[in-house]
Amino acid sequence: MAAVADCFALSFRAIAEASDFDWVSLDCHVEGVLDKADDHLRFTEMRIGALLRVPEGTDEARAARLLDKAEKACLVTRSLIAPTRLDAKIEVEV
């Protein structure tokens, strides 16, 4: 789960920098759903929880698009059989 969280955060950082997007902080945690599939115990889903803090005046829709893009760009999650689900929240700092 740590590898997924790190990869997601690093992917977001790179995408935000390339997009000239200002942000304050990103908190990320990942939960893996472990279940029996094909007679083997394996992860059947990864749930990425992300809280992105942005400065006042930030385009929140753009922030959400960049978070989605980071989830799709993450090499670790793209390499896993289990699907990932992103639950992102954006908080504007005043």
C-alpha atoms as a PDB file:
ATOM      1  CA  MET A   1       0.000   0.000   0.000  1.00  0.00           C
ATOM      2  CA  ALA A   2       2.912   2.320   0.737  1.00  0.00           C
ATOM      3  CA  ALA A   3       4.257   1.846  -2.796  1.00  0.00           C
ATOM      4  CA  VAL A   4       0.874   2.798  -4.269  1.00  0.00           C
ATOM      5  CA  ALA A   5       0.627   5.887  -2.022  1.00  0.00           C
ATOM      6  CA  ASP A   6       4.186   6.990  -2.814  1.00  0.00           C
ATOM      7  CA  CYS A   7       3.742   6.458  -6.537  1.00  0.00           C
ATOM      8  CA  PHE A   8       0.461   8.381  -6.577  1.00  0.00           C
ATOM      9  CA  ALA A   9       1.971  11.297  -4.637  1.00  0.00           C
ATOM     10  CA  LEU A  10       5.074  11.425  -6.830  1.00  0.00           C
ATOM     11  CA  SER A  11       2.961  11.220  -9.983  1.00  0.00           C
ATOM     12  CA  PHE A  12       0.806  14.101  -8.765  1.00  0.00           C
ATOM     13  CA  ARG A  13       3.863  16.161  -7.879  1.00  0.00           C
ATOM     14  CA  ALA A  14       5.346  15.681 -11.368  1.00  0.00           C
ATOM     15  CA  ILE A  15       2.048  16.407 -13.142  1.00  0.00           C
ATOM     16  CA  ALA A  16       1.388  19.506 -11.009  1.00  0.00           C
ATOM     17  CA  GLU A  17       4.878  20.830 -11.704  1.00  0.00           C
ATOM     18  CA  ALA A  18       4.571  20.200 -15.448  1.00  0.00           C
ATOM     19  CA  SER A  19       1.153  21.914 -15.382  1.00  0.00           C
ATOM     20  CA  ASP A  20       2.444  24.920 -13.401  1.00  0.00           C
ATOM     21  CA  PHE A  21      -0.153  24.156 -10.726  1.00  0.00           C
ATOM     22  CA  ASP A  22       0.329  25.604  -7.223  1.00  0.00           C
ATOM     23  CA  TRP A  23      -0.684  23.498  -4.247  1.00  0.00           C
ATOM     24  CA  VAL A  24       0.010  23.484  -0.509  1.00  0.00           C
ATOM     25  CA  SER A  25       0.028  19.817   0.560  1.00  0.00           C
ATOM     26  CA  LEU A  26      -1.173  16.358  -0.361  1.00  0.00           C
ATOM     27  CA  ASP A  27      -2.096  13.706   2.195  1.00  0.00           C
ATOM     28  CA  CYS A  28      -2.561  10.238   0.792  1.00  0.00           C
ATOM     29  CA  HIS A  29      -3.496   6.874   2.234  1.00  0.00           C
ATOM     30  CA  VAL A  30      -4.260   3.604   0.503  1.00  0.00           C
ATOM     31  CA  GLU A  31      -6.393   0.668   1.591  1.00  0.00           C
ATOM     32  CA  GLY A  32      -6.153  -2.667  -0.125  1.00  0.00           C
ATOM     33  CA  VAL A  33      -9.092  -5.046  -0.271  1.00  0.00           C
ATOM     34  CA  LEU A  34      -7.842  -8.585   0.248  1.00  0.00           C
ATOM     35  CA  ASP A  35     -10.159 -11.319  -0.976  1.00  0.00           C
ATOM     36  CA  LYS A  36     -10.170 -14.818  -2.374  1.00  0.00           C
ATOM     37  CA  ALA A  37     -10.128 -14.811  -6.171  1.00  0.00           C
ATOM     38  CA  ASP A  38      -9.401 -17.767  -8.423  1.00  0.00           C
ATOM     39  CA  ASP A  39      -8.820 -19.896  -5.313  1.00  0.00           C
ATOM     40  CA  HIS A  40      -6.000 -17.579  -4.176  1.00  0.00           C
ATOM     41  CA  LEU A  41      -5.902 -14.773  -1.665  1.00  0.00           C
ATOM     42  CA  ARG A  42      -5.025 -11.517  -3.441  1.00  0.00           C
ATOM     43  CA  PHE A  43      -5.756  -7.821  -3.541  1.00  0.00           C
ATOM     44  CA  THR A  44      -8.969  -7.250  -5.452  1.00  0.00           C
ATOM     45  CA  GLU A  45      -9.147  -3.458  -5.127  1.00  0.00           C
ATOM     46  CA  MET A  46      -6.974  -0.508  -4.093  1.00  0.00           C
ATOM     47  CA  ARG A  47      -8.680   2.532  -2.581  1.00  0.00           C
ATOM     48  CA  ILE A  48      -6.651   5.715  -2.736  1.00  0.00           C
ATOM     49  CA  GLY A  49      -7.749   8.447  -0.347  1.00  0.00           C
ATOM     50  CA  ALA A  50      -6.249  11.835  -1.144  1.00  0.00           C
ATOM     51  CA  LEU A  51      -6.656  15.227   0.498  1.00  0.00           C
ATOM     52  CA  LEU A  52      -5.198  18.030  -1.597  1.00  0.00           C
ATOM     53  CA  ARG A  53      -4.841  21.445   0.026  1.00  0.00           C
ATOM     54  CA  VAL A  54      -4.694  24.337  -2.410  1.00  0.00           C
ATOM     55  CA  PRO A  55      -4.342  28.122  -2.097  1.00  0.00           C
ATOM     56  CA  GLU A  56      -7.389  30.352  -2.223  1.00  0.00           C
ATOM     57  CA  GLY A  57      -8.470  31.125  -5.781  1.00  0.00           C
ATOM     58  CA  THR A  58      -7.415  27.745  -7.168  1.00  0.00           C
ATOM     59  CA  ASP A  59      -9.522  26.177  -9.906  1.00  0.00           C
ATOM     60  CA  GLU A  60     -10.849  23.152  -8.001  1.00  0.00           C
ATOM     61  CA  ALA A  61     -12.059  21.399 -11.160  1.00  0.00           C
ATOM     62  CA  ARG A  62      -8.524  21.608 -12.555  1.00  0.00           C
ATOM     63  CA  ALA A  63      -7.135  20.257  -9.278  1.00  0.00           C
ATOM     64  CA  ALA A  64      -9.524  17.284  -9.504  1.00  0.00           C
ATOM     65  CA  ARG A  65      -8.466  16.613 -13.112  1.00  0.00           C
ATOM     66  CA  LEU A  66      -4.792  16.605 -12.099  1.00  0.00           C
ATOM     67  CA  LEU A  67      -5.491  14.164  -9.258  1.00  0.00           C
ATOM     68  CA  ASP A  68      -7.321  11.857 -11.677  1.00  0.00           C
ATOM     69  CA  LYS A  69      -4.456  12.138 -14.122  1.00  0.00           C
ATOM     70  CA  ALA A  70      -1.988  11.198 -11.363  1.00  0.00           C
ATOM     71  CA  GLU A  71      -4.002   8.077 -10.542  1.00  0.00           C
ATOM     72  CA  LYS A  72      -3.958   7.004 -14.185  1.00  0.00           C
ATOM     73  CA  ALA A  73      -0.241   7.805 -14.591  1.00  0.00           C
ATOM     74  CA  CYS A  74       0.980   5.915 -11.513  1.00  0.00           C
ATOM     75  CA  LEU A  75       3.213   3.081 -12.705  1.00  0.00           C
ATOM     76  CA  VAL A  76       2.569   0.947  -9.633  1.00  0.00           C
ATOM     77  CA  THR A  77      -1.219   0.933  -9.937  1.00  0.00           C
ATOM     78  CA  ARG A  78      -1.009   0.423 -13.697  1.00  0.00           C
ATOM     79  CA  SER A  79       1.100  -2.679 -13.029  1.00  0.00           C
ATOM     80  CA  LEU A  80      -1.397  -4.264 -10.632  1.00  0.00           C
ATOM     81  CA  ILE A  81      -4.238  -6.568 -11.593  1.00  0.00           C
ATOM     82  CA  ALA A  82      -6.518  -5.071  -8.948  1.00  0.00           C
ATOM     83  CA  PRO A  83      -8.447  -1.965 -10.008  1.00  0.00           C
ATOM     84  CA  THR A  84      -7.915   1.286  -8.153  1.00  0.00           C
ATOM     85  CA  ARG A  85     -10.505   3.764  -6.951  1.00  0.00           C
ATOM     86  CA  LEU A  86      -9.627   7.362  -6.137  1.00  0.00           C
ATOM     87  CA  ASP A  87     -11.520   9.200  -3.409  1.00  0.00           C
ATOM     88  CA  ALA A  88     -10.120  12.726  -3.635  1.00  0.00           C
ATOM     89  CA  LYS A  89     -11.041  15.748  -1.589  1.00  0.00           C
ATOM     90  CA  ILE A  90      -9.848  19.273  -2.268  1.00  0.00           C
ATOM     91  CA  GLU A  91      -9.557  21.766   0.572  1.00  0.00           C
ATOM     92  CA  VAL A  92      -8.978  25.472  -0.061  1.00  0.00           C
ATOM     93  CA  GLU A  93      -6.716  27.177   2.450  1.00  0.00           C
ATOM     94  CA  VAL A  94      -7.689  30.706   3.370  1.00  0.00           C
END
